Amino acid sequence: MLSLALTEAEILSLALTEAEVLSLALTEADVDSLALTEADVLSLALTEAEVDSLALTEADVLSLALSDALVEADSLAL
């Protein structure tokens, strides 16, 4: 697989649709390498099913370092 090594700004500027993002079939390592911020993750507005389909481990979720307020307020709409 060709690695483009896009920056976070370049990735966000692509304004990919939800279907396009899902069609990328990124591996966990690919996702980790994006180093998305909490705001970036929240801006994706993924549905519960889409989040579930990512098959994130507890460690993956904890590594997002989401604020307690967001989690407690259920702001993620999961």
C-alpha atoms as a PDB file:
ATOM      1  CA  MET A   1       0.000   0.000   0.000  1.00  0.00           C
ATOM      2  CA  LEU A   2       1.322   3.413  -0.965  1.00  0.00           C
ATOM      3  CA  SER A   3       1.830   5.765   1.953  1.00  0.00           C
ATOM      4  CA  LEU A   4       1.016   9.381   1.179  1.00  0.00           C
ATOM      5  CA  ALA A   5       2.087  10.705   4.588  1.00  0.00           C
ATOM      6  CA  LEU A   6      -0.520  13.438   4.523  1.00  0.00           C
ATOM      7  CA  THR A   7      -0.573  15.925   7.357  1.00  0.00           C
ATOM      8  CA  GLU A   8      -3.612  16.175   9.637  1.00  0.00           C
ATOM      9  CA  ALA A   9      -4.544  19.488   7.964  1.00  0.00           C
ATOM     10  CA  GLU A  10      -4.305  17.915   4.522  1.00  0.00           C
ATOM     11  CA  ILE A  11      -6.473  14.991   5.569  1.00  0.00           C
ATOM     12  CA  LEU A  12      -9.114  17.278   7.064  1.00  0.00           C
ATOM     13  CA  SER A  13      -9.038  19.515   3.978  1.00  0.00           C
ATOM     14  CA  LEU A  14     -10.082  16.580   1.817  1.00  0.00           C
ATOM     15  CA  ALA A  15     -13.580  16.822   3.319  1.00  0.00           C
ATOM     16  CA  LEU A  16     -14.249  13.174   2.592  1.00  0.00           C
ATOM     17  CA  THR A  17     -17.790  11.929   2.922  1.00  0.00           C
ATOM     18  CA  GLU A  18     -18.633   9.374   5.585  1.00  0.00           C
ATOM     19  CA  ALA A  19     -18.842   6.663   2.904  1.00  0.00           C
ATOM     20  CA  GLU A  20     -15.442   7.615   1.534  1.00  0.00           C
ATOM     21  CA  VAL A  21     -13.878   7.446   4.975  1.00  0.00           C
ATOM     22  CA  LEU A  22     -15.429   4.055   5.685  1.00  0.00           C
ATOM     23  CA  SER A  23     -14.323   2.763   2.266  1.00  0.00           C
ATOM     24  CA  LEU A  24     -10.699   3.445   3.159  1.00  0.00           C
ATOM     25  CA  ALA A  25     -10.727   0.409   5.475  1.00  0.00           C
ATOM     26  CA  LEU A  26      -7.963   1.861   7.597  1.00  0.00           C
ATOM     27  CA  THR A  27      -6.151  -0.408   9.997  1.00  0.00           C
ATOM     28  CA  GLU A  28      -5.813   0.446  13.684  1.00  0.00           C
ATOM     29  CA  ALA A  29      -2.202   1.462  12.998  1.00  0.00           C
ATOM     30  CA  ASP A  30      -3.337   3.756  10.193  1.00  0.00           C
ATOM     31  CA  VAL A  31      -5.862   5.429  12.470  1.00  0.00           C
ATOM     32  CA  ASP A  32      -3.355   5.762  15.305  1.00  0.00           C
ATOM     33  CA  SER A  33      -0.849   7.369  12.949  1.00  0.00           C
ATOM     34  CA  LEU A  34      -3.344  10.120  12.086  1.00  0.00           C
ATOM     35  CA  ALA A  35      -3.037  11.536  15.615  1.00  0.00           C
ATOM     36  CA  LEU A  36      -6.471  13.107  15.394  1.00  0.00           C
ATOM     37  CA  THR A  37      -7.469  15.526  18.126  1.00  0.00           C
ATOM     38  CA  GLU A  38     -10.620  15.135  20.212  1.00  0.00           C
ATOM     39  CA  ALA A  39     -12.246  17.859  18.094  1.00  0.00           C
ATOM     40  CA  ASP A  40     -11.335  16.006  14.908  1.00  0.00           C
ATOM     41  CA  VAL A  41     -12.918  12.810  16.215  1.00  0.00           C
ATOM     42  CA  LEU A  42     -16.072  14.585  17.341  1.00  0.00           C
ATOM     43  CA  SER A  43     -16.359  16.379  13.992  1.00  0.00           C
ATOM     44  CA  LEU A  44     -16.734  13.007  12.267  1.00  0.00           C
ATOM     45  CA  ALA A  45     -20.185  12.623  13.874  1.00  0.00           C
ATOM     46  CA  LEU A  46     -20.092   8.845  13.537  1.00  0.00           C
ATOM     47  CA  THR A  47     -23.194   6.851  14.344  1.00  0.00           C
ATOM     48  CA  GLU A  48     -23.146   4.247  17.102  1.00  0.00           C
ATOM     49  CA  ALA A  49     -23.025   1.461  14.499  1.00  0.00           C
ATOM     50  CA  GLU A  50     -20.083   3.088  12.760  1.00  0.00           C
ATOM     51  CA  VAL A  51     -18.230   3.463  16.032  1.00  0.00           C
ATOM     52  CA  ASP A  52     -18.972  -0.168  16.858  1.00  0.00           C
ATOM     53  CA  SER A  53     -17.687  -1.211  13.432  1.00  0.00           C
ATOM     54  CA  LEU A  54     -14.314   0.329  14.233  1.00  0.00           C
ATOM     55  CA  ALA A  55     -13.847  -2.447  16.807  1.00  0.00           C
ATOM     56  CA  LEU A  56     -11.872  -0.188  19.094  1.00  0.00           C
ATOM     57  CA  THR A  57     -10.423  -1.760  22.192  1.00  0.00           C
ATOM     58  CA  GLU A  58     -10.830  -0.177  25.616  1.00  0.00           C
ATOM     59  CA  ALA A  59      -7.219   0.974  25.333  1.00  0.00           C
ATOM     60  CA  ASP A  60      -7.950   2.609  21.979  1.00  0.00           C
ATOM     61  CA  VAL A  61     -10.876   4.518  23.451  1.00  0.00           C
ATOM     62  CA  LEU A  62      -8.897   5.567  26.509  1.00  0.00           C
ATOM     63  CA  SER A  63      -6.066   6.748  24.283  1.00  0.00           C
ATOM     64  CA  LEU A  64      -8.416   9.315  22.756  1.00  0.00           C
ATOM     65  CA  ALA A  65      -8.184  11.152  26.093  1.00  0.00           C
ATOM     66  CA  LEU A  66     -11.711  12.487  25.833  1.00  0.00           C
ATOM     67  CA  SER A  67     -12.649  14.873  28.589  1.00  0.00           C
ATOM     68  CA  ASP A  68     -14.704  13.487  31.483  1.00  0.00           C
ATOM     69  CA  ALA A  69     -17.317  16.171  30.864  1.00  0.00           C
ATOM     70  CA  LEU A  70     -17.917  14.964  27.324  1.00  0.00           C
ATOM     71  CA  VAL A  71     -18.250  11.368  28.371  1.00  0.00           C
ATOM     72  CA  GLU A  72     -20.466  12.142  31.369  1.00  0.00           C
ATOM     73  CA  ALA A  73     -22.688  14.437  29.311  1.00  0.00           C
ATOM     74  CA  ASP A  74     -23.016  11.739  26.675  1.00  0.00           C
ATOM     75  CA  SER A  75     -22.029  14.401  24.175  1.00  0.00           C
ATOM     76  CA  LEU A  76     -20.725  11.710  21.886  1.00  0.00           C
ATOM     77  CA  ALA A  77     -24.301  10.653  21.130  1.00  0.00           C
ATOM     78  CA  LEU A  78     -23.389   7.012  21.368  1.00  0.00           C
END
